[in-house]
Amino acid sequence: MGRRSKSFEAALAAALADPPNATKSNEVKAYAADVTMKVINSVKTGEEAELVGALDDEQQDTLMKMLYTLLERGTDCSKLLKWHGTLTKSAGLGCIVRALTDRKTVMVTPENKY
């Protein structure tokens, strides 16, 4: 893994380190999603598998939740779906189930979306 990939690995781990699961603040949840999206947009196509593989199980579950939050926005869906496929390949289908059924969500509530 090159120096550039290591910095993205650290950035992604930092973005996923303290997910806004317990907060009810849409601003905090939107900010966390924005930070994650910045990291995703900075990674070159083809490097995502290496980064996703370096995450632990909890980070992978948080990333899946973030991907669904970002997909809800409807921007850069093709890139997000590529990350979704890569993450599913690495973490398995259980990651999707955990992200969709966990009551501790990173989703922004509909009434004050972004």
PDB file of N, CA and C in Angstrom:
ATOM      1  N   MET A   1       0.854  -1.165   0.000  1.00  0.00           N
ATOM      2  CA  MET A   1       0.000   0.000   0.000  1.00  0.00           C
ATOM      3  C   MET A   1       0.903   1.232   0.000  1.00  0.00           C
ATOM      4  N   GLY A   2       0.675   2.126  -0.946  1.00  0.00           N
ATOM      5  CA  GLY A   2       1.493   3.322  -1.056  1.00  0.00           C
ATOM      6  C   GLY A   2       1.155   4.365  -0.001  1.00  0.00           C
ATOM      7  N   ARG A   3       1.961   5.410   0.025  1.00  0.00           N
ATOM      8  CA  ARG A   3       1.768   6.489   1.002  1.00  0.00           C
ATOM      9  C   ARG A   3       0.393   7.140   0.834  1.00  0.00           C
ATOM     10  N   ARG A   4       0.008   7.367  -0.429  1.00  0.00           N
ATOM     11  CA  ARG A   4      -1.296   7.989  -0.703  1.00  0.00           C
ATOM     12  C   ARG A   4      -2.432   7.121  -0.162  1.00  0.00           C
ATOM     13  N   SER A   5      -2.361   5.815  -0.395  1.00  0.00           N
ATOM     14  CA  SER A   5      -3.393   4.900   0.094  1.00  0.00           C
ATOM     15  C   SER A   5      -3.438   4.866   1.613  1.00  0.00           C
ATOM     16  N   LYS A   6      -2.268   4.936   2.234  1.00  0.00           N
ATOM     17  CA  LYS A   6      -2.214   4.948   3.704  1.00  0.00           C
ATOM     18  C   LYS A   6      -2.924   6.180   4.252  1.00  0.00           C
ATOM     19  N   SER A   7      -2.763   7.329   3.588  1.00  0.00           N
ATOM     20  CA  SER A   7      -3.426   8.537   4.089  1.00  0.00           C
ATOM     21  C   SER A   7      -4.939   8.440   3.905  1.00  0.00           C
ATOM     22  N   PHE A   8      -5.388   7.819   2.807  1.00  0.00           N
ATOM     23  CA  PHE A   8      -6.821   7.622   2.623  1.00  0.00           C
ATOM     24  C   PHE A   8      -7.360   6.613   3.626  1.00  0.00           C
ATOM     25  N   GLU A   9      -6.563   5.588   3.911  1.00  0.00           N
ATOM     26  CA  GLU A   9      -6.967   4.597   4.918  1.00  0.00           C
ATOM     27  C   GLU A   9      -7.157   5.276   6.273  1.00  0.00           C
ATOM     28  N   ALA A  10      -6.230   6.151   6.630  1.00  0.00           N
ATOM     29  CA  ALA A  10      -6.328   6.874   7.901  1.00  0.00           C
ATOM     30  C   ALA A  10      -7.516   7.832   7.893  1.00  0.00           C
ATOM     31  N   ALA A  11      -7.747   8.498   6.767  1.00  0.00           N
ATOM     32  CA  ALA A  11      -8.868   9.435   6.661  1.00  0.00           C
ATOM     33  C   ALA A  11     -10.207   8.704   6.766  1.00  0.00           C
ATOM     34  N   LEU A  12     -10.313   7.565   6.105  1.00  0.00           N
ATOM     35  CA  LEU A  12     -11.550   6.791   6.159  1.00  0.00           C
ATOM     36  C   LEU A  12     -11.777   6.248   7.565  1.00  0.00           C
ATOM     37  N   ALA A  13     -10.739   5.741   8.193  1.00  0.00           N
ATOM     38  CA  ALA A  13     -10.865   5.235   9.568  1.00  0.00           C
ATOM     39  C   ALA A  13     -11.282   6.369  10.513  1.00  0.00           C
ATOM     40  N   ALA A  14     -10.728   7.559  10.317  1.00  0.00           N
ATOM     41  CA  ALA A  14     -11.089   8.703  11.161  1.00  0.00           C
ATOM     42  C   ALA A  14     -12.543   9.119  10.927  1.00  0.00           C
ATOM     43  N   ALA A  15     -12.976   9.086   9.670  1.00  0.00           N
ATOM     44  CA  ALA A  15     -14.357   9.464   9.359  1.00  0.00           C
ATOM     45  C   ALA A  15     -15.364   8.494   9.972  1.00  0.00           C
ATOM     46  N   LEU A  16     -14.955   7.244  10.130  1.00  0.00           N
ATOM     47  CA  LEU A  16     -15.851   6.214  10.660  1.00  0.00           C
ATOM     48  C   LEU A  16     -15.656   5.957  12.149  1.00  0.00           C
ATOM     49  N   ALA A  17     -14.672   6.610  12.757  1.00  0.00           N
ATOM     50  CA  ALA A  17     -14.286   6.319  14.141  1.00  0.00           C
ATOM     51  C   ALA A  17     -15.361   6.631  15.170  1.00  0.00           C
ATOM     52  N   ASP A  18     -16.060   7.709  14.999  1.00  0.00           N
ATOM     53  CA  ASP A  18     -17.052   8.124  15.995  1.00  0.00           C
ATOM     54  C   ASP A  18     -18.361   8.465  15.288  1.00  0.00           C
ATOM     55  N   PRO A  19     -19.079   7.449  14.814  1.00  0.00           N
ATOM     56  CA  PRO A  19     -20.299   7.719  14.052  1.00  0.00           C
ATOM     57  C   PRO A  19     -21.366   8.391  14.917  1.00  0.00           C
ATOM     58  N   PRO A  20     -22.180   9.234  14.321  1.00  0.00           N
ATOM     59  CA  PRO A  20     -23.201   9.964  15.077  1.00  0.00           C
ATOM     60  C   PRO A  20     -24.438   9.123  15.351  1.00  0.00           C
ATOM     61  N   ASN A  21     -24.254   7.946  15.926  1.00  0.00           N
ATOM     62  CA  ASN A  21     -25.371   7.035  16.187  1.00  0.00           C
ATOM     63  C   ASN A  21     -26.328   7.550  17.245  1.00  0.00           C
ATOM     64  N   ALA A  22     -25.806   8.168  18.281  1.00  0.00           N
ATOM     65  CA  ALA A  22     -26.643   8.538  19.419  1.00  0.00           C
ATOM     66  C   ALA A  22     -27.263   9.924  19.297  1.00  0.00           C
ATOM     67  N   THR A  23     -26.755  10.740  18.394  1.00  0.00           N
ATOM     68  CA  THR A  23     -27.262  12.102  18.298  1.00  0.00           C
ATOM     69  C   THR A  23     -28.563  12.177  17.514  1.00  0.00           C
ATOM     70  N   LYS A  24     -29.350  13.165  17.826  1.00  0.00           N
ATOM     71  CA  LYS A  24     -30.571  13.432  17.065  1.00  0.00           C
ATOM     72  C   LYS A  24     -30.372  14.645  16.167  1.00  0.00           C
ATOM     73  N   SER A  25     -29.169  15.197  16.198  1.00  0.00           N
ATOM     74  CA  SER A  25     -28.850  16.390  15.413  1.00  0.00           C
ATOM     75  C   SER A  25     -28.623  16.033  13.946  1.00  0.00           C
ATOM     76  N   ASN A  26     -29.479  16.562  13.088  1.00  0.00           N
ATOM     77  CA  ASN A  26     -29.315  16.339  11.656  1.00  0.00           C
ATOM     78  C   ASN A  26     -28.036  16.987  11.137  1.00  0.00           C
ATOM     79  N   GLU A  27     -27.648  18.093  11.743  1.00  0.00           N
ATOM     80  CA  GLU A  27     -26.437  18.781  11.306  1.00  0.00           C
ATOM     81  C   GLU A  27     -25.206  17.913  11.531  1.00  0.00           C
ATOM     82  N   VAL A  28     -25.139  17.273  12.686  1.00  0.00           N
ATOM     83  CA  VAL A  28     -24.004  16.404  13.004  1.00  0.00           C
ATOM     84  C   VAL A  28     -23.995  15.201  12.057  1.00  0.00           C
ATOM     85  N   LYS A  29     -25.153  14.598  11.827  1.00  0.00           N
ATOM     86  CA  LYS A  29     -25.232  13.444  10.938  1.00  0.00           C
ATOM     87  C   LYS A  29     -24.870  13.824   9.498  1.00  0.00           C
ATOM     88  N   ALA A  30     -25.339  14.991   9.049  1.00  0.00           N
ATOM     89  CA  ALA A  30     -25.022  15.445   7.695  1.00  0.00           C
ATOM     90  C   ALA A  30     -23.531  15.741   7.567  1.00  0.00           C
ATOM     91  N   TYR A  31     -22.938  16.312   8.594  1.00  0.00           N
ATOM     92  CA  TYR A  31     -21.504  16.610   8.570  1.00  0.00           C
ATOM     93  C   TYR A  31     -20.689  15.321   8.488  1.00  0.00           C
ATOM     94  N   ALA A  32     -21.064  14.327   9.273  1.00  0.00           N
ATOM     95  CA  ALA A  32     -20.358  13.040   9.244  1.00  0.00           C
ATOM     96  C   ALA A  32     -20.458  12.405   7.856  1.00  0.00           C
ATOM     97  N   ALA A  33     -21.627  12.493   7.243  1.00  0.00           N
ATOM     98  CA  ALA A  33     -21.805  11.953   5.896  1.00  0.00           C
ATOM     99  C   ALA A  33     -20.960  12.736   4.891  1.00  0.00           C
ATOM    100  N   ASP A  34     -20.897  14.058   5.049  1.00  0.00           N
ATOM    101  CA  ASP A  34     -20.089  14.893   4.155  1.00  0.00           C
ATOM    102  C   ASP A  34     -18.608  14.523   4.233  1.00  0.00           C
ATOM    103  N   VAL A  35     -18.114  14.317   5.441  1.00  0.00           N
ATOM    104  CA  VAL A  35     -16.706  13.949   5.621  1.00  0.00           C
ATOM    105  C   VAL A  35     -16.428  12.608   4.949  1.00  0.00           C
ATOM    106  N   THR A  36     -17.315  11.649   5.151  1.00  0.00           N
ATOM    107  CA  THR A  36     -17.147  10.336   4.521  1.00  0.00           C
ATOM    108  C   THR A  36     -17.162  10.460   3.001  1.00  0.00           C
ATOM    109  N   MET A  37     -18.056  11.291   2.469  1.00  0.00           N
ATOM    110  CA  MET A  37     -18.149  11.473   1.018  1.00  0.00           C
ATOM    111  C   MET A  37     -16.889  12.121   0.466  1.00  0.00           C
ATOM    112  N   LYS A  38     -16.307  13.047   1.200  1.00  0.00           N
ATOM    113  CA  LYS A  38     -15.059  13.676   0.749  1.00  0.00           C
ATOM    114  C   LYS A  38     -13.951  12.640   0.612  1.00  0.00           C
ATOM    115  N   VAL A  39     -13.882  11.739   1.560  1.00  0.00           N
ATOM    116  CA  VAL A  39     -12.869  10.686   1.486  1.00  0.00           C
ATOM    117  C   VAL A  39     -13.146   9.789   0.282  1.00  0.00           C
ATOM    118  N   ILE A  40     -14.385   9.374   0.116  1.00  0.00           N
ATOM    119  CA  ILE A  40     -14.757   8.502  -1.004  1.00  0.00           C
ATOM    120  C   ILE A  40     -14.431   9.172  -2.333  1.00  0.00           C
ATOM    121  N   ASN A  41     -14.741  10.444  -2.460  1.00  0.00           N
ATOM    122  CA  ASN A  41     -14.468  11.165  -3.709  1.00  0.00           C
ATOM    123  C   ASN A  41     -12.978  11.335  -3.974  1.00  0.00           C
ATOM    124  N   SER A  42     -12.170  11.295  -2.942  1.00  0.00           N
ATOM    125  CA  SER A  42     -10.726  11.484  -3.090  1.00  0.00           C
ATOM    126  C   SER A  42     -10.003  10.215  -3.515  1.00  0.00           C
ATOM    127  N   VAL A  43     -10.638   9.087  -3.330  1.00  0.00           N
ATOM    128  CA  VAL A  43     -10.012   7.796  -3.631  1.00  0.00           C
ATOM    129  C   VAL A  43     -10.192   7.484  -5.116  1.00  0.00           C
ATOM    130  N   LYS A  44      -9.107   7.071  -5.752  1.00  0.00           N
ATOM    131  CA  LYS A  44      -9.162   6.690  -7.162  1.00  0.00           C
ATOM    132  C   LYS A  44      -9.933   5.390  -7.325  1.00  0.00           C
ATOM    133  N   THR A  45     -10.614   5.269  -8.453  1.00  0.00           N
ATOM    134  CA  THR A  45     -11.316   4.029  -8.771  1.00  0.00           C
ATOM    135  C   THR A  45     -10.312   2.881  -8.793  1.00  0.00           C
ATOM    136  N   GLY A  46     -10.656   1.816  -8.132  1.00  0.00           N
ATOM    137  CA  GLY A  46      -9.795   0.646  -8.050  1.00  0.00           C
ATOM    138  C   GLY A  46      -9.058   0.539  -6.729  1.00  0.00           C
ATOM    139  N   GLU A  47      -8.982   1.640  -5.979  1.00  0.00           N
ATOM    140  CA  GLU A  47      -8.304   1.622  -4.685  1.00  0.00           C
ATOM    141  C   GLU A  47      -9.252   1.309  -3.529  1.00  0.00           C
ATOM    142  N   GLU A  48     -10.551   1.322  -3.796  1.00  0.00           N
ATOM    143  CA  GLU A  48     -11.509   1.165  -2.708  1.00  0.00           C
ATOM    144  C   GLU A  48     -11.453  -0.216  -2.059  1.00  0.00           C
ATOM    145  N   ALA A  49     -11.156  -1.252  -2.826  1.00  0.00           N
ATOM    146  CA  ALA A  49     -11.110  -2.607  -2.256  1.00  0.00           C
ATOM    147  C   ALA A  49     -10.032  -2.721  -1.178  1.00  0.00           C
ATOM    148  N   GLU A  50      -8.899  -2.129  -1.433  1.00  0.00           N
ATOM    149  CA  GLU A  50      -7.806  -2.169  -0.468  1.00  0.00           C
ATOM    150  C   GLU A  50      -8.179  -1.414   0.809  1.00  0.00           C
ATOM    151  N   LEU A  51      -8.856  -0.283   0.650  1.00  0.00           N
ATOM    152  CA  LEU A  51      -9.242   0.515   1.810  1.00  0.00           C
ATOM    153  C   LEU A  51     -10.333  -0.185   2.615  1.00  0.00           C
ATOM    154  N   VAL A  52     -11.323  -0.720   1.926  1.00  0.00           N
ATOM    155  CA  VAL A  52     -12.418  -1.419   2.605  1.00  0.00           C
ATOM    156  C   VAL A  52     -11.881  -2.649   3.336  1.00  0.00           C
ATOM    157  N   GLY A  53     -10.950  -3.358   2.729  1.00  0.00           N
ATOM    158  CA  GLY A  53     -10.369  -4.545   3.347  1.00  0.00           C
ATOM    159  C   GLY A  53      -9.572  -4.246   4.604  1.00  0.00           C
ATOM    160  N   ALA A  54      -9.093  -3.023   4.731  1.00  0.00           N
ATOM    161  CA  ALA A  54      -8.308  -2.636   5.906  1.00  0.00           C
ATOM    162  C   ALA A  54      -9.184  -2.255   7.097  1.00  0.00           C
ATOM    163  N   LEU A  55     -10.496  -2.118   6.884  1.00  0.00           N
ATOM    164  CA  LEU A  55     -11.412  -1.741   7.965  1.00  0.00           C
ATOM    165  C   LEU A  55     -11.785  -2.959   8.803  1.00  0.00           C
ATOM    166  N   ASP A  56     -12.035  -2.729  10.089  1.00  0.00           N
ATOM    167  CA  ASP A  56     -12.531  -3.820  10.926  1.00  0.00           C
ATOM    168  C   ASP A  56     -14.044  -3.958  10.720  1.00  0.00           C
ATOM    169  N   ASP A  57     -14.645  -4.957  11.342  1.00  0.00           N
ATOM    170  CA  ASP A  57     -16.069  -5.247  11.135  1.00  0.00           C
ATOM    171  C   ASP A  57     -16.966  -4.063  11.499  1.00  0.00           C
ATOM    172  N   GLU A  58     -16.689  -3.429  12.618  1.00  0.00           N
ATOM    173  CA  GLU A  58     -17.508  -2.296  13.059  1.00  0.00           C
ATOM    174  C   GLU A  58     -17.394  -1.127  12.088  1.00  0.00           C
ATOM    175  N   GLN A  59     -16.202  -0.858  11.612  1.00  0.00           N
ATOM    176  CA  GLN A  59     -16.007   0.220  10.643  1.00  0.00           C
ATOM    177  C   GLN A  59     -16.716  -0.100   9.329  1.00  0.00           C
ATOM    178  N   GLN A  60     -16.677  -1.357   8.923  1.00  0.00           N
ATOM    179  CA  GLN A  60     -17.373  -1.748   7.696  1.00  0.00           C
ATOM    180  C   GLN A  60     -18.879  -1.556   7.844  1.00  0.00           C
ATOM    181  N   ASP A  61     -19.433  -1.912   9.002  1.00  0.00           N
ATOM    182  CA  ASP A  61     -20.861  -1.710   9.233  1.00  0.00           C
ATOM    183  C   ASP A  61     -21.210  -0.223   9.214  1.00  0.00           C
ATOM    184  N   THR A  62     -20.367   0.591   9.814  1.00  0.00           N
ATOM    185  CA  THR A  62     -20.602   2.041   9.821  1.00  0.00           C
ATOM    186  C   THR A  62     -20.499   2.600   8.406  1.00  0.00           C
ATOM    187  N   LEU A  63     -19.529   2.122   7.643  1.00  0.00           N
ATOM    188  CA  LEU A  63     -19.410   2.574   6.258  1.00  0.00           C
ATOM    189  C   LEU A  63     -20.658   2.221   5.463  1.00  0.00           C
ATOM    190  N   MET A  64     -21.205   1.023   5.677  1.00  0.00           N
ATOM    191  CA  MET A  64     -22.421   0.632   4.963  1.00  0.00           C
ATOM    192  C   MET A  64     -23.567   1.581   5.318  1.00  0.00           C
ATOM    193  N   LYS A  65     -23.698   1.914   6.595  1.00  0.00           N
ATOM    194  CA  LYS A  65     -24.737   2.869   7.003  1.00  0.00           C
ATOM    195  C   LYS A  65     -24.529   4.211   6.312  1.00  0.00           C
ATOM    196  N   MET A  66     -23.282   4.657   6.265  1.00  0.00           N
ATOM    197  CA  MET A  66     -22.966   5.933   5.615  1.00  0.00           C
ATOM    198  C   MET A  66     -23.279   5.875   4.125  1.00  0.00           C
ATOM    199  N   LEU A  67     -22.972   4.751   3.488  1.00  0.00           N
ATOM    200  CA  LEU A  67     -23.271   4.622   2.065  1.00  0.00           C
ATOM    201  C   LEU A  67     -24.765   4.770   1.804  1.00  0.00           C
ATOM    202  N   TYR A  68     -25.585   4.159   2.644  1.00  0.00           N
ATOM    203  CA  TYR A  68     -27.033   4.293   2.463  1.00  0.00           C
ATOM    204  C   TYR A  68     -27.486   5.732   2.702  1.00  0.00           C
ATOM    205  N   THR A  69     -26.893   6.396   3.678  1.00  0.00           N
ATOM    206  CA  THR A  69     -27.209   7.803   3.923  1.00  0.00           C
ATOM    207  C   THR A  69     -26.840   8.643   2.704  1.00  0.00           C
ATOM    208  N   LEU A  70     -25.673   8.393   2.152  1.00  0.00           N
ATOM    209  CA  LEU A  70     -25.216   9.155   0.993  1.00  0.00           C
ATOM    210  C   LEU A  70     -26.013   8.815  -0.259  1.00  0.00           C
ATOM    211  N   LEU A  71     -26.398   7.561  -0.420  1.00  0.00           N
ATOM    212  CA  LEU A  71     -27.225   7.179  -1.565  1.00  0.00           C
ATOM    213  C   LEU A  71     -28.579   7.866  -1.520  1.00  0.00           C
ATOM    214  N   GLU A  72     -29.070   8.107  -0.330  1.00  0.00           N
ATOM    215  CA  GLU A  72     -30.358   8.790  -0.186  1.00  0.00           C
ATOM    216  C   GLU A  72     -30.305  10.196  -0.789  1.00  0.00           C
ATOM    217  N   ARG A  73     -29.154  10.812  -0.773  1.00  0.00           N
ATOM    218  CA  ARG A  73     -28.993  12.152  -1.343  1.00  0.00           C
ATOM    219  C   ARG A  73     -29.138  12.151  -2.856  1.00  0.00           C
ATOM    220  N   GLY A  74     -28.777  11.027  -3.476  1.00  0.00           N
ATOM    221  CA  GLY A  74     -28.948  10.910  -4.918  1.00  0.00           C
ATOM    222  C   GLY A  74     -27.826  11.524  -5.745  1.00  0.00           C
ATOM    223  N   THR A  75     -26.665  11.780  -5.158  1.00  0.00           N
ATOM    224  CA  THR A  75     -25.539  12.308  -5.922  1.00  0.00           C
ATOM    225  C   THR A  75     -24.394  11.293  -5.898  1.00  0.00           C
ATOM    226  N   ASP A  76     -23.680  11.221  -6.993  1.00  0.00           N
ATOM    227  CA  ASP A  76     -22.558  10.292  -7.135  1.00  0.00           C
ATOM    228  C   ASP A  76     -22.963   8.848  -6.850  1.00  0.00           C
ATOM    229  N   CYS A  77     -24.172   8.481  -7.250  1.00  0.00           N
ATOM    230  CA  CYS A  77     -24.687   7.142  -6.951  1.00  0.00           C
ATOM    231  C   CYS A  77     -23.840   6.037  -7.575  1.00  0.00           C
ATOM    232  N   SER A  78     -23.318   6.264  -8.787  1.00  0.00           N
ATOM    233  CA  SER A  78     -22.532   5.206  -9.414  1.00  0.00           C
ATOM    234  C   SER A  78     -21.274   4.908  -8.604  1.00  0.00           C
ATOM    235  N   LYS A  79     -20.636   5.948  -8.077  1.00  0.00           N
ATOM    236  CA  LYS A  79     -19.445   5.750  -7.249  1.00  0.00           C
ATOM    237  C   LYS A  79     -19.828   5.071  -5.931  1.00  0.00           C
ATOM    238  N   LEU A  80     -20.914   5.509  -5.341  1.00  0.00           N
ATOM    239  CA  LEU A  80     -21.359   4.935  -4.073  1.00  0.00           C
ATOM    240  C   LEU A  80     -21.763   3.472  -4.249  1.00  0.00           C
ATOM    241  N   LEU A  81     -22.411   3.149  -5.349  1.00  0.00           N
ATOM    242  CA  LEU A  81     -22.795   1.762  -5.601  1.00  0.00           C
ATOM    243  C   LEU A  81     -21.567   0.881  -5.842  1.00  0.00           C
ATOM    244  N   LYS A  82     -20.527   1.439  -6.437  1.00  0.00           N
ATOM    245  CA  LYS A  82     -19.278   0.687  -6.593  1.00  0.00           C
ATOM    246  C   LYS A  82     -18.695   0.377  -5.220  1.00  0.00           C
ATOM    247  N   TRP A  83     -18.671   1.374  -4.328  1.00  0.00           N
ATOM    248  CA  TRP A  83     -18.191   1.149  -2.961  1.00  0.00           C
ATOM    249  C   TRP A  83     -19.084   0.127  -2.250  1.00  0.00           C
ATOM    250  N   HIS A  84     -20.394   0.212  -2.473  1.00  0.00           N
ATOM    251  CA  HIS A  84     -21.337  -0.727  -1.862  1.00  0.00           C
ATOM    252  C   HIS A  84     -21.008  -2.149  -2.292  1.00  0.00           C
ATOM    253  N   GLY A  85     -20.786  -2.350  -3.576  1.00  0.00           N
ATOM    254  CA  GLY A  85     -20.445  -3.676  -4.086  1.00  0.00           C
ATOM    255  C   GLY A  85     -19.121  -4.183  -3.524  1.00  0.00           C
ATOM    256  N   THR A  86     -18.152  -3.296  -3.459  1.00  0.00           N
ATOM    257  CA  THR A  86     -16.843  -3.663  -2.910  1.00  0.00           C
ATOM    258  C   THR A  86     -16.968  -4.028  -1.437  1.00  0.00           C
ATOM    259  N   LEU A  87     -17.723  -3.234  -0.698  1.00  0.00           N
ATOM    260  CA  LEU A  87     -17.914  -3.491   0.727  1.00  0.00           C
ATOM    261  C   LEU A  87     -18.677  -4.785   0.948  1.00  0.00           C
ATOM    262  N   THR A  88     -19.700  -5.036   0.153  1.00  0.00           N
ATOM    263  CA  THR A  88     -20.477  -6.273   0.271  1.00  0.00           C
ATOM    264  C   THR A  88     -19.602  -7.486  -0.028  1.00  0.00           C
ATOM    265  N   LYS A  89     -18.748  -7.365  -1.028  1.00  0.00           N
ATOM    266  CA  LYS A  89     -17.840  -8.463  -1.358  1.00  0.00           C
ATOM    267  C   LYS A  89     -16.879  -8.745  -0.200  1.00  0.00           C
ATOM    268  N   SER A  90     -16.424  -7.700   0.458  1.00  0.00           N
ATOM    269  CA  SER A  90     -15.472  -7.849   1.555  1.00  0.00           C
ATOM    270  C   SER A  90     -16.139  -8.283   2.862  1.00  0.00           C
ATOM    271  N   ALA A  91     -17.266  -7.654   3.193  1.00  0.00           N
ATOM    272  CA  ALA A  91     -17.902  -7.867   4.503  1.00  0.00           C
ATOM    273  C   ALA A  91     -19.031  -8.884   4.476  1.00  0.00           C
ATOM    274  N   GLY A  92     -19.545  -9.197   3.309  1.00  0.00           N
ATOM    275  CA  GLY A  92     -20.644 -10.147   3.203  1.00  0.00           C
ATOM    276  C   GLY A  92     -22.010  -9.487   3.317  1.00  0.00           C
ATOM    277  N   LEU A  93     -23.029 -10.280   3.084  1.00  0.00           N
ATOM    278  CA  LEU A  93     -24.401  -9.774   3.118  1.00  0.00           C
ATOM    279  C   LEU A  93     -24.842  -9.367   4.517  1.00  0.00           C
ATOM    280  N   GLY A  94     -24.228  -9.938   5.527  1.00  0.00           N
ATOM    281  CA  GLY A  94     -24.564  -9.582   6.903  1.00  0.00           C
ATOM    282  C   GLY A  94     -24.354  -8.113   7.184  1.00  0.00           C
ATOM    283  N   CYS A  95     -23.391  -7.512   6.515  1.00  0.00           N
ATOM    284  CA  CYS A  95     -23.124  -6.079   6.685  1.00  0.00           C
ATOM    285  C   CYS A  95     -24.331  -5.254   6.244  1.00  0.00           C
ATOM    286  N   ILE A  96     -24.969  -5.662   5.171  1.00  0.00           N
ATOM    287  CA  ILE A  96     -26.166  -4.967   4.687  1.00  0.00           C
ATOM    288  C   ILE A  96     -27.295  -5.132   5.699  1.00  0.00           C
ATOM    289  N   VAL A  97     -27.499  -6.342   6.155  1.00  0.00           N
ATOM    290  CA  VAL A  97     -28.575  -6.619   7.112  1.00  0.00           C
ATOM    291  C   VAL A  97     -28.369  -5.815   8.395  1.00  0.00           C
ATOM    292  N   ARG A  98     -27.151  -5.807   8.905  1.00  0.00           N
ATOM    293  CA  ARG A  98     -26.868  -5.043  10.130  1.00  0.00           C
ATOM    294  C   ARG A  98     -27.094  -3.552   9.923  1.00  0.00           C
ATOM    295  N   ALA A  99     -26.698  -3.037   8.774  1.00  0.00           N
ATOM    296  CA  ALA A  99     -26.869  -1.604   8.502  1.00  0.00           C
ATOM    297  C   ALA A  99     -28.345  -1.229   8.414  1.00  0.00           C
ATOM    298  N   LEU A 100     -29.149  -2.100   7.840  1.00  0.00           N
ATOM    299  CA  LEU A 100     -30.565  -1.788   7.655  1.00  0.00           C
ATOM    300  C   LEU A 100     -31.418  -2.045   8.891  1.00  0.00           C
ATOM    301  N   THR A 101     -30.948  -2.908   9.783  1.00  0.00           N
ATOM    302  CA  THR A 101     -31.770  -3.256  10.943  1.00  0.00           C
ATOM    303  C   THR A 101     -31.305  -2.615  12.243  1.00  0.00           C
ATOM    304  N   ASP A 102     -30.124  -2.044  12.257  1.00  0.00           N
ATOM    305  CA  ASP A 102     -29.608  -1.430  13.481  1.00  0.00           C
ATOM    306  C   ASP A 102     -30.432  -0.186  13.821  1.00  0.00           C
ATOM    307  N   ARG A 103     -30.869  -0.098  15.055  1.00  0.00           N
ATOM    308  CA  ARG A 103     -31.656   1.056  15.482  1.00  0.00           C
ATOM    309  C   ARG A 103     -30.800   2.305  15.640  1.00  0.00           C
ATOM    310  N   LYS A 104     -29.506   2.115  15.830  1.00  0.00           N
ATOM    311  CA  LYS A 104     -28.577   3.239  15.941  1.00  0.00           C
ATOM    312  C   LYS A 104     -28.189   3.645  14.529  1.00  0.00           C
ATOM    313  N   THR A 105     -28.816   4.662  14.030  1.00  0.00           N
ATOM    314  CA  THR A 105     -28.660   5.036  12.641  1.00  0.00           C
ATOM    315  C   THR A 105     -27.828   6.305  12.468  1.00  0.00           C
ATOM    316  N   VAL A 106     -27.255   6.452  11.310  1.00  0.00           N
ATOM    317  CA  VAL A 106     -26.555   7.686  10.958  1.00  0.00           C
ATOM    318  C   VAL A 106     -27.371   8.477   9.941  1.00  0.00           C
ATOM    319  N   MET A 107     -28.583   8.001   9.675  1.00  0.00           N
ATOM    320  CA  MET A 107     -29.462   8.645   8.705  1.00  0.00           C
ATOM    321  C   MET A 107     -29.980   9.975   9.223  1.00  0.00           C
ATOM    322  N   VAL A 108     -30.090  10.914   8.304  1.00  0.00           N
ATOM    323  CA  VAL A 108     -30.685  12.207   8.607  1.00  0.00           C
ATOM    324  C   VAL A 108     -32.196  12.024   8.537  1.00  0.00           C
ATOM    325  N   THR A 109     -32.912  12.556   9.533  1.00  0.00           N
ATOM    326  CA  THR A 109     -34.370  12.403   9.533  1.00  0.00           C
ATOM    327  C   THR A 109     -34.991  13.247   8.431  1.00  0.00           C
ATOM    328  N   PRO A 110     -36.067  12.783   7.825  1.00  0.00           N
ATOM    329  CA  PRO A 110     -36.656  13.429   6.665  1.00  0.00           C
ATOM    330  C   PRO A 110     -37.094  14.879   6.833  1.00  0.00           C
ATOM    331  N   GLU A 111     -37.541  15.263   8.008  1.00  0.00           N
ATOM    332  CA  GLU A 111     -38.081  16.603   8.144  1.00  0.00           C
ATOM    333  C   GLU A 111     -37.039  17.710   7.999  1.00  0.00           C
ATOM    334  N   ASN A 112     -35.792  17.468   8.334  1.00  0.00           N
ATOM    335  CA  ASN A 112     -34.756  18.501   8.213  1.00  0.00           C
ATOM    336  C   ASN A 112     -33.585  17.962   7.419  1.00  0.00           C
ATOM    337  N   LYS A 113     -33.837  17.471   6.274  1.00  0.00           N
ATOM    338  CA  LYS A 113     -32.824  16.846   5.456  1.00  0.00           C
ATOM    339  C   LYS A 113     -31.830  17.881   4.951  1.00  0.00           C
ATOM    340  N   TYR A 114     -30.607  17.804   5.418  1.00  0.00           N
ATOM    341  CA  TYR A 114     -29.485  18.640   4.991  1.00  0.00           C
ATOM    342  C   TYR A 114     -29.831  20.083   5.113  1.00  0.00           C
TER     343      TYR A 114
END
